[in-house]
Amino acid sequence: QVQLVESGGGLVQPGGSLRLSCAASGFTLDNYAIGWFRQAPGKGREGVSCIRNSDGSTYYADSAKGRFTISRDNAKNTVYLQMNSLKPEDTAVYYCATAPPMVVTTTQCGPLRAYDFWGQGTQVTVSS
């Protein structure tokens, strides 16, 4: 079965950390770009970070720079998002998605419409 499965979300206090995982099954992530996106209640889906698996090129939204780190483990067919110094405004459902590799550059993750295969999402709640 071809799917992306996110995990690692949960409830954390402000200043805390979480590591999200995006595991692929039924296909290999090697030749794709992977993006992490989030959607807070009442808001649109926004890009957080992305990685081009072929060469490791990454991009971070301003909201993520200095706090989040995207990484990959090709042997495990998994992409991670390490989130540190979490803030209440990081509360959202986090999704991972795949896109053709050249969508991602060091200056942008590419348009949302370029990401055509999505996981089901994992909830992150930052609250005291």
C-alpha atoms as a PDB file:
ATOM      1  CA  GLN A   1       0.000   0.000   0.000  1.00  0.00           C
ATOM      2  CA  VAL A   2       1.404   3.351  -1.053  1.00  0.00           C
ATOM      3  CA  GLN A   3       1.194   5.806   1.799  1.00  0.00           C
ATOM      4  CA  LEU A   4       2.854   8.460   3.916  1.00  0.00           C
ATOM      5  CA  VAL A   5       2.355   8.207   7.649  1.00  0.00           C
ATOM      6  CA  GLU A   6       3.163  11.042  10.023  1.00  0.00           C
ATOM      7  CA  SER A   7       3.786  10.406  13.708  1.00  0.00           C
ATOM      8  CA  GLY A   8       5.344  12.061  16.716  1.00  0.00           C
ATOM      9  CA  GLY A   9       2.824  14.776  17.421  1.00  0.00           C
ATOM     10  CA  GLY A  10       1.404  15.448  20.838  1.00  0.00           C
ATOM     11  CA  LEU A  11       0.952  17.948  23.629  1.00  0.00           C
ATOM     12  CA  VAL A  12       4.047  19.827  24.734  1.00  0.00           C
ATOM     13  CA  GLN A  13       4.692  22.854  26.904  1.00  0.00           C
ATOM     14  CA  PRO A  14       6.067  26.071  25.427  1.00  0.00           C
ATOM     15  CA  GLY A  15       9.806  25.764  25.019  1.00  0.00           C
ATOM     16  CA  GLY A  16       9.589  22.014  24.591  1.00  0.00           C
ATOM     17  CA  SER A  17      10.552  19.782  21.682  1.00  0.00           C
ATOM     18  CA  LEU A  18       8.998  17.203  19.434  1.00  0.00           C
ATOM     19  CA  ARG A  19      10.309  15.130  16.554  1.00  0.00           C
ATOM     20  CA  LEU A  20       7.861  14.373  13.799  1.00  0.00           C
ATOM     21  CA  SER A  21       8.378  11.446  11.454  1.00  0.00           C
ATOM     22  CA  CYS A  22       7.116  10.962   7.926  1.00  0.00           C
ATOM     23  CA  ALA A  23       7.453   7.345   6.906  1.00  0.00           C
ATOM     24  CA  ALA A  24       6.802   6.191   3.368  1.00  0.00           C
ATOM     25  CA  SER A  25       5.654   2.737   2.400  1.00  0.00           C
ATOM     26  CA  GLY A  26       5.061   1.236  -1.019  1.00  0.00           C
ATOM     27  CA  PHE A  27       7.527   3.607  -2.679  1.00  0.00           C
ATOM     28  CA  THR A  28      10.923   5.139  -2.020  1.00  0.00           C
ATOM     29  CA  LEU A  29      11.437   8.754  -0.995  1.00  0.00           C
ATOM     30  CA  ASP A  30      14.895   8.896  -2.596  1.00  0.00           C
ATOM     31  CA  ASN A  31      13.772  10.659  -5.745  1.00  0.00           C
ATOM     32  CA  TYR A  32      11.299  13.091  -4.258  1.00  0.00           C
ATOM     33  CA  ALA A  33      11.168  16.363  -2.448  1.00  0.00           C
ATOM     34  CA  ILE A  34       9.431  16.121   0.905  1.00  0.00           C
ATOM     35  CA  GLY A  35       7.669  19.032   2.489  1.00  0.00           C
ATOM     36  CA  TRP A  36       6.339  19.572   5.976  1.00  0.00           C
ATOM     37  CA  PHE A  37       3.242  21.751   6.170  1.00  0.00           C
ATOM     38  CA  ARG A  38       0.930  22.778   8.948  1.00  0.00           C
ATOM     39  CA  GLN A  39      -2.624  23.967   9.277  1.00  0.00           C
ATOM     40  CA  ALA A  40      -3.948  25.706  12.350  1.00  0.00           C
ATOM     41  CA  PRO A  41      -7.685  25.950  13.047  1.00  0.00           C
ATOM     42  CA  GLY A  42      -9.299  28.524  10.779  1.00  0.00           C
ATOM     43  CA  LYS A  43      -6.121  29.091   8.781  1.00  0.00           C
ATOM     44  CA  GLY A  44      -4.752  27.937   5.485  1.00  0.00           C
ATOM     45  CA  ARG A  45      -2.082  25.297   5.049  1.00  0.00           C
ATOM     46  CA  GLU A  46       1.409  26.765   5.182  1.00  0.00           C
ATOM     47  CA  GLY A  47       4.828  25.409   4.367  1.00  0.00           C
ATOM     48  CA  VAL A  48       7.224  24.855   7.246  1.00  0.00           C
ATOM     49  CA  SER A  49      10.235  23.150   5.742  1.00  0.00           C
ATOM     50  CA  CYS A  50      11.245  20.927   2.869  1.00  0.00           C
ATOM     51  CA  ILE A  51      14.084  18.731   1.694  1.00  0.00           C
ATOM     52  CA  ARG A  52      15.172  17.418  -1.649  1.00  0.00           C
ATOM     53  CA  ASN A  53      16.161  13.862  -0.877  1.00  0.00           C
ATOM     54  CA  SER A  54      18.540  13.430  -3.804  1.00  0.00           C
ATOM     55  CA  ASP A  55      21.065  15.942  -2.488  1.00  0.00           C
ATOM     56  CA  GLY A  56      19.776  17.080   0.887  1.00  0.00           C
ATOM     57  CA  SER A  57      18.918  20.644  -0.143  1.00  0.00           C
ATOM     58  CA  THR A  58      16.662  22.186   2.463  1.00  0.00           C
ATOM     59  CA  TYR A  59      14.535  25.248   2.991  1.00  0.00           C
ATOM     60  CA  TYR A  60      12.875  26.672   6.089  1.00  0.00           C
ATOM     61  CA  ALA A  61      10.056  29.135   6.433  1.00  0.00           C
ATOM     62  CA  ASP A  62      10.897  32.150   8.571  1.00  0.00           C
ATOM     63  CA  SER A  63       8.727  30.744  11.350  1.00  0.00           C
ATOM     64  CA  ALA A  64      10.901  27.618  11.465  1.00  0.00           C
ATOM     65  CA  LYS A  65      14.400  29.014  11.007  1.00  0.00           C
ATOM     66  CA  GLY A  66      16.658  28.425  13.982  1.00  0.00           C
ATOM     67  CA  ARG A  67      14.128  26.197  15.745  1.00  0.00           C
ATOM     68  CA  PHE A  68      13.233  23.363  13.363  1.00  0.00           C
ATOM     69  CA  THR A  69      15.497  20.940  11.540  1.00  0.00           C
ATOM     70  CA  ILE A  70      14.457  18.705   8.689  1.00  0.00           C
ATOM     71  CA  SER A  71      16.437  15.543   8.017  1.00  0.00           C
ATOM     72  CA  ARG A  72      16.167  12.271   6.200  1.00  0.00           C
ATOM     73  CA  ASP A  73      17.075   8.658   6.737  1.00  0.00           C
ATOM     74  CA  ASN A  74      16.930   7.045   3.337  1.00  0.00           C
ATOM     75  CA  ALA A  75      17.611   3.600   4.796  1.00  0.00           C
ATOM     76  CA  LYS A  76      14.418   3.946   6.834  1.00  0.00           C
ATOM     77  CA  ASN A  77      12.575   5.724   4.020  1.00  0.00           C
ATOM     78  CA  THR A  78      11.676   8.412   6.544  1.00  0.00           C
ATOM     79  CA  VAL A  79      11.937  12.173   6.829  1.00  0.00           C
ATOM     80  CA  TYR A  80      11.995  13.902  10.201  1.00  0.00           C
ATOM     81  CA  LEU A  81      11.157  17.338  11.517  1.00  0.00           C
ATOM     82  CA  GLN A  82      12.881  18.145  14.792  1.00  0.00           C
ATOM     83  CA  MET A  83      11.051  21.018  16.447  1.00  0.00           C
ATOM     84  CA  ASN A  84      12.664  22.833  19.351  1.00  0.00           C
ATOM     85  CA  SER A  85      11.679  25.899  21.359  1.00  0.00           C
ATOM     86  CA  LEU A  86       8.065  25.313  20.500  1.00  0.00           C
ATOM     87  CA  LYS A  87       5.598  28.174  20.847  1.00  0.00           C
ATOM     88  CA  PRO A  88       1.806  28.179  21.219  1.00  0.00           C
ATOM     89  CA  GLU A  89       1.564  29.552  17.683  1.00  0.00           C
ATOM     90  CA  ASP A  90       3.148  26.321  16.413  1.00  0.00           C
ATOM     91  CA  THR A  91      -0.060  24.514  17.344  1.00  0.00           C
ATOM     92  CA  ALA A  92      -1.454  22.915  14.206  1.00  0.00           C
ATOM     93  CA  VAL A  93      -1.933  19.685  12.330  1.00  0.00           C
ATOM     94  CA  TYR A  94       1.361  18.888  10.628  1.00  0.00           C
ATOM     95  CA  TYR A  95       1.414  17.120   7.284  1.00  0.00           C
ATOM     96  CA  CYS A  96       4.146  15.751   5.085  1.00  0.00           C
ATOM     97  CA  ALA A  97       3.832  15.512   1.331  1.00  0.00           C
ATOM     98  CA  THR A  98       5.887  14.600  -1.732  1.00  0.00           C
ATOM     99  CA  ALA A  99       6.689  16.617  -4.832  1.00  0.00           C
ATOM    100  CA  PRO A 100       9.001  16.303  -7.831  1.00  0.00           C
ATOM    101  CA  PRO A 101      12.548  16.921  -6.572  1.00  0.00           C
ATOM    102  CA  MET A 102      13.283  20.140  -8.450  1.00  0.00           C
ATOM    103  CA  VAL A 103      10.356  21.880  -6.753  1.00  0.00           C
ATOM    104  CA  VAL A 104      12.584  22.457  -3.722  1.00  0.00           C
ATOM    105  CA  THR A 105      15.403  24.972  -3.865  1.00  0.00           C
ATOM    106  CA  THR A 106      17.406  26.646  -1.137  1.00  0.00           C
ATOM    107  CA  THR A 107      15.084  29.662  -1.350  1.00  0.00           C
ATOM    108  CA  GLN A 108      11.680  28.059  -1.453  1.00  0.00           C
ATOM    109  CA  CYS A 109       9.669  24.864  -1.089  1.00  0.00           C
ATOM    110  CA  GLY A 110       7.662  25.494  -4.220  1.00  0.00           C
ATOM    111  CA  PRO A 111       3.916  25.971  -4.536  1.00  0.00           C
ATOM    112  CA  LEU A 112       1.482  23.920  -2.502  1.00  0.00           C
ATOM    113  CA  ARG A 113      -0.068  22.581  -5.688  1.00  0.00           C
ATOM    114  CA  ALA A 114       3.227  20.880  -6.585  1.00  0.00           C
ATOM    115  CA  TYR A 115       2.808  18.503  -3.637  1.00  0.00           C
ATOM    116  CA  ASP A 116       0.541  15.751  -4.834  1.00  0.00           C
ATOM    117  CA  PHE A 117       0.737  12.984  -2.230  1.00  0.00           C
ATOM    118  CA  TRP A 118      -0.081  13.685   1.401  1.00  0.00           C
ATOM    119  CA  GLY A 119      -0.113  11.945   4.721  1.00  0.00           C
ATOM    120  CA  GLN A 120      -3.030  12.083   7.133  1.00  0.00           C
ATOM    121  CA  GLY A 121      -1.412  14.571   9.503  1.00  0.00           C
ATOM    122  CA  THR A 122      -0.358  14.583  13.144  1.00  0.00           C
ATOM    123  CA  GLN A 123      -1.593  17.045  15.758  1.00  0.00           C
ATOM    124  CA  VAL A 124       0.898  19.243  17.582  1.00  0.00           C
ATOM    125  CA  THR A 125      -0.412  21.232  20.526  1.00  0.00           C
ATOM    126  CA  VAL A 126       1.831  23.643  22.393  1.00  0.00           C
ATOM    127  CA  SER A 127       0.218  24.739  25.616  1.00  0.00           C
ATOM    128  CA  SER A 128       0.953  25.122  29.284  1.00  0.00           C
END
